[in-house]
C-alpha atoms as a PDB file:
ATOM      1  CA  MET A   1     223.548  41.277 107.513  1.00  0.00           C
ATOM      2  CA  SER A   2     226.725  41.443 105.384  1.00  0.00           C
ATOM      3  CA  LYS A   3     227.897  44.617 103.440  1.00  0.00           C
ATOM      4  CA  LYS A   4     227.103  43.287 100.374  1.00  0.00           C
ATOM      5  CA  ASP A   5     223.537  42.414 101.516  1.00  0.00           C
ATOM      6  CA  LEU A   6     222.623  45.701 103.232  1.00  0.00           C
ATOM      7  CA  SER A   7     224.351  47.332 100.090  1.00  0.00           C
ATOM      8  CA  ILE A   8     221.921  45.603  97.699  1.00  0.00           C
ATOM      9  CA  PHE A   9     218.851  45.910  99.871  1.00  0.00           C
ATOM     10  CA  LEU A  10     219.780  49.757  99.765  1.00  0.00           C
ATOM     11  CA  THR A  11     219.972  49.667  96.090  1.00  0.00           C
ATOM     12  CA  PHE A  12     216.374  48.190  95.886  1.00  0.00           C
ATOM     13  CA  VAL A  13     214.972  50.861  97.963  1.00  0.00           C
ATOM     14  CA  ILE A  14     216.795  53.615  96.527  1.00  0.00           C
ATOM     15  CA  GLY A  15     215.341  52.518  93.196  1.00  0.00           C
ATOM     16  CA  ILE A  16     211.688  52.109  94.293  1.00  0.00           C
ATOM     17  CA  VAL A  17     212.134  55.796  96.088  1.00  0.00           C
ATOM     18  CA  VAL A  18     213.240  56.684  92.580  1.00  0.00           C
ATOM     19  CA  ILE A  19     210.101  55.165  90.541  1.00  0.00           C
ATOM     20  CA  LEU A  20     207.905  56.582  93.569  1.00  0.00           C
ATOM     21  CA  TYR A  21     209.283  60.204  92.791  1.00  0.00           C
ATOM     22  CA  GLY A  22     209.076  59.761  89.187  1.00  0.00           C
ATOM     23  CA  VAL A  23     205.485  58.134  88.881  1.00  0.00           C
ATOM     24  CA  PHE A  24     204.028  61.034  91.331  1.00  0.00           C
ATOM     25  CA  VAL A  25     206.041  63.908  90.267  1.00  0.00           C
ATOM     26  CA  HIS A  26     207.192  63.446  86.424  1.00  0.00           C
ATOM     27  CA  HIS A  27     204.143  61.235  85.746  1.00  0.00           C
ATOM     28  CA  TRP A  28     206.043  58.292  84.972  1.00  0.00           C
ATOM     29  CA  PHE A  29     204.704  55.419  82.902  1.00  0.00           C
ATOM     30  CA  ILE A  30     205.495  52.027  82.190  1.00  0.00           C
ATOM     31  CA  ASN A  31     208.711  52.780  79.816  1.00  0.00           C
ATOM     32  CA  GLN A  32     210.446  54.284  82.223  1.00  0.00           C
ATOM     33  CA  ILE A  33     209.288  52.511  85.656  1.00  0.00           C
ATOM     34  CA  SER A  34     210.510  49.186  83.573  1.00  0.00           C
ATOM     35  CA  ALA A  35     214.266  50.952  82.807  1.00  0.00           C
ATOM     36  CA  ILE A  36     214.623  51.750  86.386  1.00  0.00           C
ATOM     37  CA  PHE A  37     213.919  48.052  87.495  1.00  0.00           C
ATOM     38  CA  CYS A  38     216.642  46.994  84.323  1.00  0.00           C
ATOM     39  CA  ILE A  39     219.030  49.536  86.054  1.00  0.00           C
ATOM     40  CA  ILE A  40     218.120  47.736  89.907  1.00  0.00           C
ATOM     41  CA  THR A  41     218.869  44.584  88.262  1.00  0.00           C
ATOM     42  CA  LEU A  42     222.164  45.504  86.672  1.00  0.00           C
ATOM     43  CA  ILE A  43     223.557  47.381  89.854  1.00  0.00           C
ATOM     44  CA  ILE A  44     222.364  44.681  91.916  1.00  0.00           C
ATOM     45  CA  GLY A  45     224.310  41.965  89.777  1.00  0.00           C
ATOM     46  CA  ILE A  46     227.497  44.174  90.084  1.00  0.00           C
ATOM     47  CA  ILE A  47     227.515  44.277  93.746  1.00  0.00           C
ATOM     48  CA  ASP A  48     226.735  40.688  93.823  1.00  0.00           C
ATOM     49  CA  ARG A  49     229.936  40.143  91.496  1.00  0.00           C
ATOM     50  CA  ASN A  50     227.936  37.241  89.554  1.00  0.00           C
ATOM     51  CA  SER A  51     229.443  35.617  86.863  1.00  0.00           C
ATOM     52  CA  ASP A  52     227.790  36.236  83.409  1.00  0.00           C
ATOM     53  CA  ALA A  53     226.496  32.857  83.295  1.00  0.00           C
ATOM     54  CA  ASP A  54     224.824  32.938  86.894  1.00  0.00           C
ATOM     55  CA  PHE A  55     223.481  36.630  85.970  1.00  0.00           C
ATOM     56  CA  GLY A  56     222.026  35.603  82.517  1.00  0.00           C
ATOM     57  CA  ASN A  57     220.452  32.444  84.160  1.00  0.00           C
ATOM     58  CA  THR A  58     219.017  34.442  86.862  1.00  0.00           C
ATOM     59  CA  VAL A  59     217.225  37.266  84.750  1.00  0.00           C
ATOM     60  CA  LEU A  60     216.324  34.214  82.470  1.00  0.00           C
ATOM     61  CA  ARG A  61     214.674  31.835  85.327  1.00  0.00           C
ATOM     62  CA  SER A  62     212.913  34.938  87.038  1.00  0.00           C
ATOM     63  CA  VAL A  63     211.189  36.182  83.470  1.00  0.00           C
ATOM     64  CA  GLY A  64     210.123  32.290  83.302  1.00  0.00           C
ATOM     65  CA  HIS A  65     208.028  32.969  86.566  1.00  0.00           C
ATOM     66  CA  VAL A  66     206.495  36.211  85.381  1.00  0.00           C
ATOM     67  CA  ALA A  67     206.347  35.480  81.647  1.00  0.00           C
ATOM     68  CA  PRO A  68     203.035  33.230  81.937  1.00  0.00           C
ATOM     69  CA  GLY A  69     201.005  36.220  83.584  1.00  0.00           C
ATOM     70  CA  HIS A  70     202.357  38.697  80.892  1.00  0.00           C
ATOM     71  CA  LEU A  71     200.983  36.300  78.632  1.00  0.00           C
ATOM     72  CA  TRP A  72     197.435  35.971  80.068  1.00  0.00           C
ATOM     73  CA  LEU A  73     197.089  40.023  80.396  1.00  0.00           C
ATOM     74  CA  GLY A  74     198.235  40.806  76.573  1.00  0.00           C
ATOM     75  CA  LEU A  75     195.748  37.954  75.455  1.00  0.00           C
ATOM     76  CA  LEU A  76     192.826  39.646  77.810  1.00  0.00           C
ATOM     77  CA  HIS A  77     193.867  42.817  76.724  1.00  0.00           C
ATOM     78  CA  PRO A  78     192.673  42.653  73.025  1.00  0.00           C
ATOM     79  CA  SER A  79     188.947  41.093  74.132  1.00  0.00           C
ATOM     80  CA  LYS A  80     188.284  44.196  76.361  1.00  0.00           C
ATOM     81  CA  LEU A  81     188.936  46.682  73.550  1.00  0.00           C
ATOM     82  CA  HIS A  82     186.811  44.466  71.333  1.00  0.00           C
ATOM     83  CA  TRP A  83     183.973  44.691  73.599  1.00  0.00           C
ATOM     84  CA  LYS A  84     184.820  48.438  74.195  1.00  0.00           C
ATOM     85  CA  TRP A  85     183.981  48.997  70.980  1.00  0.00           C
ATOM     86  CA  ALA A  86     181.463  46.435  70.797  1.00  0.00           C
ATOM     87  CA  ILE A  87     178.983  48.270  73.239  1.00  0.00           C
END
């Protein structure tokens, strides 16, 4: 494992520790957690020394993988609210 790989791994682990600390001690919710993930992504992009185009393409490709699942969650969420009020 190279120094760059180790620093990327440590950045990710430190970010997860910060998230766990924030959730359990400060009762963070999704906004704070997603902000930490964005910060982790930017730091790892800087460490990896990607060009702007490579970094943007990587982020968009990653979003493309998770977006369908979030779309389904968004579509199902209002139906749960509807059933809750209908009972």
